[in-house]
Amino acid sequence: MTENDQKFEFSEFSGEFVDDEVTVILRIYRPAGTNLDWTLEVFDEEGNTTIWNDTFDTDRDAFEEFLATVQRDGIRSFLDEPVQRLH
């Protein structure tokens, strides 16, 4: 199965997030039908991606990490680089 064929389960925490007049798309997901850890990914307004190298035990843990990053670094930190890998 190729990566394009992979089906994902998306967390209820996924979706649009707006702060300081910046909109990002938050995706928290894992392979469908599994109990694997959750992946955290953020897309900015230009389509650039920030993805965490570490996965999370729960979707809530991933969402709280996203909120902590916004609080610590600001929402505009996701606009700095075309592709970022965190942690």
C-alpha atoms as a PDB file:
ATOM      1  CA  MET A   1       0.000   0.000   0.000  1.00  0.00           C
ATOM      2  CA  THR A   2       1.433   3.365  -0.962  1.00  0.00           C
ATOM      3  CA  GLU A   3       1.189   6.433   1.240  1.00  0.00           C
ATOM      4  CA  ASN A   4      -1.415   7.881  -1.151  1.00  0.00           C
ATOM      5  CA  ASP A   5      -3.592   4.782  -0.589  1.00  0.00           C
ATOM      6  CA  GLN A   6      -3.401   5.101   3.212  1.00  0.00           C
ATOM      7  CA  LYS A   7      -6.671   6.065   4.903  1.00  0.00           C
ATOM      8  CA  PHE A   8      -6.555   8.299   7.960  1.00  0.00           C
ATOM      9  CA  GLU A   9      -8.738   8.959  10.962  1.00  0.00           C
ATOM     10  CA  PHE A  10      -8.852  12.673  11.780  1.00  0.00           C
ATOM     11  CA  SER A  11      -9.298  14.007  15.284  1.00  0.00           C
ATOM     12  CA  GLU A  12     -12.206  16.251  16.211  1.00  0.00           C
ATOM     13  CA  PHE A  13      -9.494  18.799  17.138  1.00  0.00           C
ATOM     14  CA  SER A  14      -8.514  19.094  13.463  1.00  0.00           C
ATOM     15  CA  GLY A  15      -9.688  22.118  11.519  1.00  0.00           C
ATOM     16  CA  GLU A  16      -9.184  25.810  10.985  1.00  0.00           C
ATOM     17  CA  PHE A  17      -7.479  27.799  13.730  1.00  0.00           C
ATOM     18  CA  VAL A  18      -7.336  31.616  13.703  1.00  0.00           C
ATOM     19  CA  ASP A  19      -5.169  33.777  15.943  1.00  0.00           C
ATOM     20  CA  ASP A  20      -3.703  37.266  15.489  1.00  0.00           C
ATOM     21  CA  GLU A  21      -5.390  37.493  12.052  1.00  0.00           C
ATOM     22  CA  VAL A  22      -3.500  34.395  10.856  1.00  0.00           C
ATOM     23  CA  THR A  23      -5.378  31.275   9.775  1.00  0.00           C
ATOM     24  CA  VAL A  24      -3.802  27.827   9.813  1.00  0.00           C
ATOM     25  CA  ILE A  25      -5.235  24.394   9.184  1.00  0.00           C
ATOM     26  CA  LEU A  26      -4.557  21.969  11.999  1.00  0.00           C
ATOM     27  CA  ARG A  27      -4.494  18.263  11.152  1.00  0.00           C
ATOM     28  CA  ILE A  28      -4.268  15.642  13.878  1.00  0.00           C
ATOM     29  CA  TYR A  29      -4.514  12.154  12.431  1.00  0.00           C
ATOM     30  CA  ARG A  30      -3.493   8.503  12.567  1.00  0.00           C
ATOM     31  CA  PRO A  31      -3.912   5.530  10.245  1.00  0.00           C
ATOM     32  CA  ALA A  32      -7.584   4.545  10.125  1.00  0.00           C
ATOM     33  CA  GLY A  33      -8.614   1.461  12.046  1.00  0.00           C
ATOM     34  CA  THR A  34      -5.574   1.514  14.335  1.00  0.00           C
ATOM     35  CA  ASN A  35      -4.700   2.556  17.838  1.00  0.00           C
ATOM     36  CA  LEU A  36      -1.392   4.039  16.722  1.00  0.00           C
ATOM     37  CA  ASP A  37      -0.173   7.401  17.983  1.00  0.00           C
ATOM     38  CA  TRP A  38      -1.426  10.681  16.521  1.00  0.00           C
ATOM     39  CA  THR A  39       0.493  12.895  14.077  1.00  0.00           C
ATOM     40  CA  LEU A  40       0.328  16.691  14.352  1.00  0.00           C
ATOM     41  CA  GLU A  41       0.581  18.805  11.197  1.00  0.00           C
ATOM     42  CA  VAL A  42      -0.120  22.496  10.527  1.00  0.00           C
ATOM     43  CA  PHE A  43      -0.655  24.128   7.118  1.00  0.00           C
ATOM     44  CA  ASP A  44      -0.303  27.888   6.757  1.00  0.00           C
ATOM     45  CA  GLU A  45      -2.184  30.203   4.382  1.00  0.00           C
ATOM     46  CA  GLU A  46       0.398  29.561   1.633  1.00  0.00           C
ATOM     47  CA  GLY A  47       0.132  25.778   1.937  1.00  0.00           C
ATOM     48  CA  ASN A  48       3.457  25.380   3.753  1.00  0.00           C
ATOM     49  CA  THR A  49       3.624  22.576   6.302  1.00  0.00           C
ATOM     50  CA  THR A  50       4.898  22.208   9.844  1.00  0.00           C
ATOM     51  CA  ILE A  51       4.922  18.625  11.088  1.00  0.00           C
ATOM     52  CA  TRP A  52       6.066  17.315  14.438  1.00  0.00           C
ATOM     53  CA  ASN A  53       8.608  14.472  14.331  1.00  0.00           C
ATOM     54  CA  ASP A  54       7.224  13.068  17.570  1.00  0.00           C
ATOM     55  CA  THR A  55       3.800  11.463  17.660  1.00  0.00           C
ATOM     56  CA  PHE A  56       1.306  11.742  20.508  1.00  0.00           C
ATOM     57  CA  ASP A  57      -0.469   9.135  22.621  1.00  0.00           C
ATOM     58  CA  THR A  58      -3.790  10.974  22.313  1.00  0.00           C
ATOM     59  CA  ASP A  59      -5.269  13.535  19.973  1.00  0.00           C
ATOM     60  CA  ARG A  60      -5.756  15.816  22.978  1.00  0.00           C
ATOM     61  CA  ASP A  61      -1.997  15.640  23.707  1.00  0.00           C
ATOM     62  CA  ALA A  62      -1.311  16.706  20.107  1.00  0.00           C
ATOM     63  CA  PHE A  63      -3.788  19.582  20.331  1.00  0.00           C
ATOM     64  CA  GLU A  64      -2.319  20.765  23.634  1.00  0.00           C
ATOM     65  CA  GLU A  65       1.175  20.725  22.082  1.00  0.00           C
ATOM     66  CA  PHE A  66      -0.133  22.869  19.229  1.00  0.00           C
ATOM     67  CA  LEU A  67      -1.685  25.350  21.683  1.00  0.00           C
ATOM     68  CA  ALA A  68       1.525  25.442  23.749  1.00  0.00           C
ATOM     69  CA  THR A  69       3.540  26.176  20.601  1.00  0.00           C
ATOM     70  CA  VAL A  70       1.181  29.019  19.660  1.00  0.00           C
ATOM     71  CA  GLN A  71       1.395  30.440  23.179  1.00  0.00           C
ATOM     72  CA  ARG A  72       5.188  30.103  23.352  1.00  0.00           C
ATOM     73  CA  ASP A  73       6.198  31.054  19.784  1.00  0.00           C
ATOM     74  CA  GLY A  74       3.105  32.762  18.366  1.00  0.00           C
ATOM     75  CA  ILE A  75       0.918  31.722  15.464  1.00  0.00           C
ATOM     76  CA  ARG A  76       3.214  33.536  13.048  1.00  0.00           C
ATOM     77  CA  SER A  77       5.974  31.034  13.814  1.00  0.00           C
ATOM     78  CA  PHE A  78       4.230  28.696  11.379  1.00  0.00           C
ATOM     79  CA  LEU A  79       4.773  31.225   8.580  1.00  0.00           C
ATOM     80  CA  ASP A  80       8.569  31.334   8.886  1.00  0.00           C
ATOM     81  CA  GLU A  81       9.690  28.410   6.709  1.00  0.00           C
ATOM     82  CA  PRO A  82       8.232  26.509   3.727  1.00  0.00           C
ATOM     83  CA  VAL A  83       8.576  23.154   5.540  1.00  0.00           C
ATOM     84  CA  GLN A  84       9.354  22.777   9.215  1.00  0.00           C
ATOM     85  CA  ARG A  85       9.842  19.738  11.382  1.00  0.00           C
ATOM     86  CA  LEU A  86       9.417  20.294  15.094  1.00  0.00           C
ATOM     87  CA  HIS A  87      10.728  18.192  17.948  1.00  0.00           C
END
